[in-house]
Protein backbone atom coordinates (compact mmCIF):
# COMPACT_ATOMS: atom_id res chain seq x y z
CA UNK A 1 -66.66 -22.80 18.61
CA UNK A 2 -64.79 -25.29 20.80
CA UNK A 3 -64.58 -25.25 24.60
CA UNK A 4 -61.30 -23.34 24.68
CA UNK A 5 -62.64 -20.49 22.59
CA UNK A 6 -60.94 -21.32 19.31
CA UNK A 7 -63.13 -21.06 16.36
CA UNK A 8 -62.78 -23.97 13.77
CA UNK A 9 -64.22 -24.37 10.34
CA UNK A 10 -64.43 -27.62 8.25
CA UNK A 11 -63.65 -27.38 4.58
CA UNK A 12 -63.94 -29.80 1.72
CA UNK A 13 -60.92 -28.69 -0.21
CA UNK A 14 -58.06 -26.16 -0.23
CA UNK A 15 -56.67 -24.27 -3.22
CA UNK A 16 -53.14 -25.18 -3.99
CA UNK A 17 -50.81 -22.26 -3.21
CA UNK A 18 -49.08 -20.68 -6.28
CA UNK A 19 -45.77 -22.13 -7.14
CA UNK A 20 -42.53 -20.06 -7.09
CA UNK A 21 -41.69 -18.86 -10.55
CA UNK A 22 -38.18 -19.77 -11.55
CA UNK A 23 -36.55 -17.59 -14.27
CA UNK A 24 -34.46 -19.20 -16.84
CA UNK A 25 -30.96 -18.01 -17.41
CA UNK A 26 -31.85 -16.21 -20.69
CA UNK A 27 -34.72 -14.35 -18.74
CA UNK A 28 -32.37 -13.39 -15.99
CA UNK A 29 -29.63 -12.19 -18.49
CA UNK A 30 -32.14 -10.10 -20.49
CA UNK A 31 -33.52 -8.42 -17.31
CA UNK A 32 -30.07 -7.55 -16.10
CA UNK A 33 -29.10 -6.31 -19.38
CA UNK A 34 -31.94 -3.93 -19.57
CA UNK A 35 -31.34 -2.73 -15.93
CA UNK A 36 -27.75 -1.91 -16.89
CA UNK A 37 -28.35 -0.33 -20.23
CA UNK A 38 -29.09 3.20 -18.89
CA UNK A 39 -26.10 2.90 -16.48
CA UNK A 40 -23.65 1.88 -19.07
CA UNK A 41 -24.78 4.55 -21.55
CA UNK A 42 -23.84 7.35 -19.00
CA UNK A 43 -20.48 8.94 -19.61
CA UNK A 44 -18.39 9.55 -16.55
CA UNK A 45 -18.33 13.29 -15.28
CA UNK A 46 -15.19 14.81 -16.34
CA UNK A 47 -14.09 17.36 -13.67
CA UNK A 48 -13.25 20.97 -14.74
CA UNK A 49 -9.37 21.25 -14.95
CA UNK A 50 -9.60 23.76 -12.11
CA UNK A 51 -11.72 21.53 -9.69
CA UNK A 52 -10.32 18.92 -7.52
CA UNK A 53 -9.27 15.91 -9.59
CA UNK A 54 -9.00 18.27 -12.54
CA UNK A 55 -5.60 18.37 -14.32
CA UNK A 56 -4.68 22.06 -13.49
CA UNK A 57 -5.79 21.44 -9.81
CA UNK A 58 -3.68 18.42 -9.41
CA UNK A 59 -0.67 20.15 -11.09
CA UNK A 60 -1.07 23.03 -8.51
CA UNK A 61 -1.08 20.26 -5.54
CA UNK A 62 1.87 18.65 -7.10
CA UNK A 63 3.79 21.93 -7.01
CA UNK A 64 2.93 22.48 -3.31
CA UNK A 65 4.03 18.93 -2.56
CA UNK A 66 7.43 19.95 -3.78
CA UNK A 67 7.84 22.77 -1.13
CA UNK A 68 9.34 21.48 2.15
CA UNK A 69 9.28 23.14 5.56
CA UNK A 70 13.18 23.67 6.20
CA UNK A 71 12.72 22.37 9.78
CA UNK A 72 10.60 19.34 9.05
CA UNK A 73 11.31 16.85 6.31
CA UNK A 74 7.69 16.79 5.14
CA UNK A 75 6.20 18.84 2.29
CA UNK A 76 3.73 21.61 3.22
CA UNK A 77 0.71 19.90 1.79
CA UNK A 78 1.13 16.81 3.71
CA UNK A 79 1.92 18.77 6.75
CA UNK A 80 -1.48 20.32 6.58
CA UNK A 81 -0.40 23.88 5.99
CA UNK A 82 -2.47 24.26 2.80
CA UNK A 83 -6.12 25.02 3.93
CA UNK A 84 -7.70 25.70 0.48
CA UNK A 85 -6.82 25.99 -3.19
CA UNK A 86 -9.16 27.84 -5.69
CA UNK A 87 -8.45 28.17 -9.27
CA UNK A 88 -10.63 30.64 -11.45
CA UNK A 89 -9.61 31.55 -15.19
CA UNK A 90 -5.92 30.81 -14.51
CA UNK A 91 -5.80 32.79 -11.08
CA UNK A 92 -4.90 30.49 -8.21
CA UNK A 93 -5.79 31.47 -4.66
CA UNK A 94 -3.99 29.49 -1.90
CA UNK A 95 -5.05 29.82 1.69
CA UNK A 96 -2.36 28.57 4.02
CA UNK A 97 -1.00 28.63 7.54
CA UNK A 98 2.36 28.03 9.29
CA UNK A 99 2.98 25.85 12.26
CA UNK A 100 3.40 28.81 14.48
CA UNK A 101 3.20 32.60 13.91
CA UNK A 102 6.92 32.75 15.02
CA UNK A 103 7.98 30.38 12.30
CA UNK A 104 11.39 31.42 10.84
CA UNK A 105 10.13 30.99 7.37
CA UNK A 106 7.04 33.18 7.86
CA UNK A 107 8.28 35.88 5.55
CA UNK A 108 9.77 33.57 2.87
CA UNK A 109 7.37 30.69 2.65
CA UNK A 110 4.30 32.40 1.31
CA UNK A 111 6.46 33.98 -1.37
CA UNK A 112 7.87 30.58 -2.35
CA UNK A 113 4.27 29.14 -2.48
CA UNK A 114 3.33 31.95 -4.77
CA UNK A 115 6.23 31.40 -7.07
CA UNK A 116 5.81 27.78 -7.24
CA UNK A 117 2.15 27.82 -7.97
CA UNK A 118 2.50 30.69 -10.53
CA UNK A 119 5.00 28.64 -12.42
CA UNK A 120 2.45 25.79 -12.97
CA UNK A 121 1.51 25.79 -16.81
CA UNK A 122 -2.03 27.17 -17.03
CA UNK A 123 -1.71 29.35 -14.02
CA UNK A 124 -1.32 33.04 -14.74
CA UNK A 125 -1.44 34.70 -11.40
CA UNK A 126 -1.11 33.25 -8.00
CA UNK A 127 -2.01 34.89 -4.66
CA UNK A 128 -1.36 33.36 -1.20
CA UNK A 129 -3.47 34.35 1.92
CA UNK A 130 -1.61 33.49 5.04
CA UNK A 131 -4.26 32.75 7.68
CA UNK A 132 -3.95 31.91 11.53
CA UNK A 133 -7.60 30.78 12.04
CA UNK A 134 -8.05 27.84 12.60
CA UNK A 135 -4.55 27.37 13.98
CA UNK A 136 -2.38 24.63 12.57
CA UNK A 137 -2.29 21.47 14.69
CA UNK A 138 -0.62 17.99 14.15
CA UNK A 139 -4.08 16.68 13.48
CA UNK A 140 -3.93 18.50 10.03
CA UNK A 141 -1.12 16.31 8.84
CA UNK A 142 -1.78 13.42 6.35
CA UNK A 143 -0.96 9.88 7.45
CA UNK A 144 2.09 9.93 5.14
CA UNK A 145 3.39 12.82 7.01
CA UNK A 146 2.80 11.18 10.36
CA UNK A 147 4.57 8.18 9.36
CA UNK A 148 7.53 10.19 8.00
CA UNK A 149 7.79 11.86 11.36
CA UNK A 150 7.47 8.59 13.35
CA UNK A 151 4.09 9.60 14.70
CA UNK A 152 2.07 6.60 13.73
């Protein structure tokens, strides 16, 4: 030991450190091909027609987007009046609200929604539940609706 407390050791030789292994382009390609093989063999999940992104579900949403609030030039889906859409064996259940309980279309709007959704091919029966909880607010609107109304 030296005077400053550091231990030293003398050696005659030191082993060379291992060199980094560099893969050839062929080795790299083969490794990546094996890595992707399982991924590429998987088929994409096909959603059920009645689930979000399914054809029937999207057709119902398209029908809802054709219904406009007579006082506001935006469709009821983008206004955020539609809270939920469930489709089971051709039966559609739509939960929706209105901007206020005293809305002038409170009596006619649910009926129009029921008729439009019921007219979608593949839907045999449509039911609309008008709910007030949670209450509608402008925060429910899509960005497209806000842009249309000059709120963005």
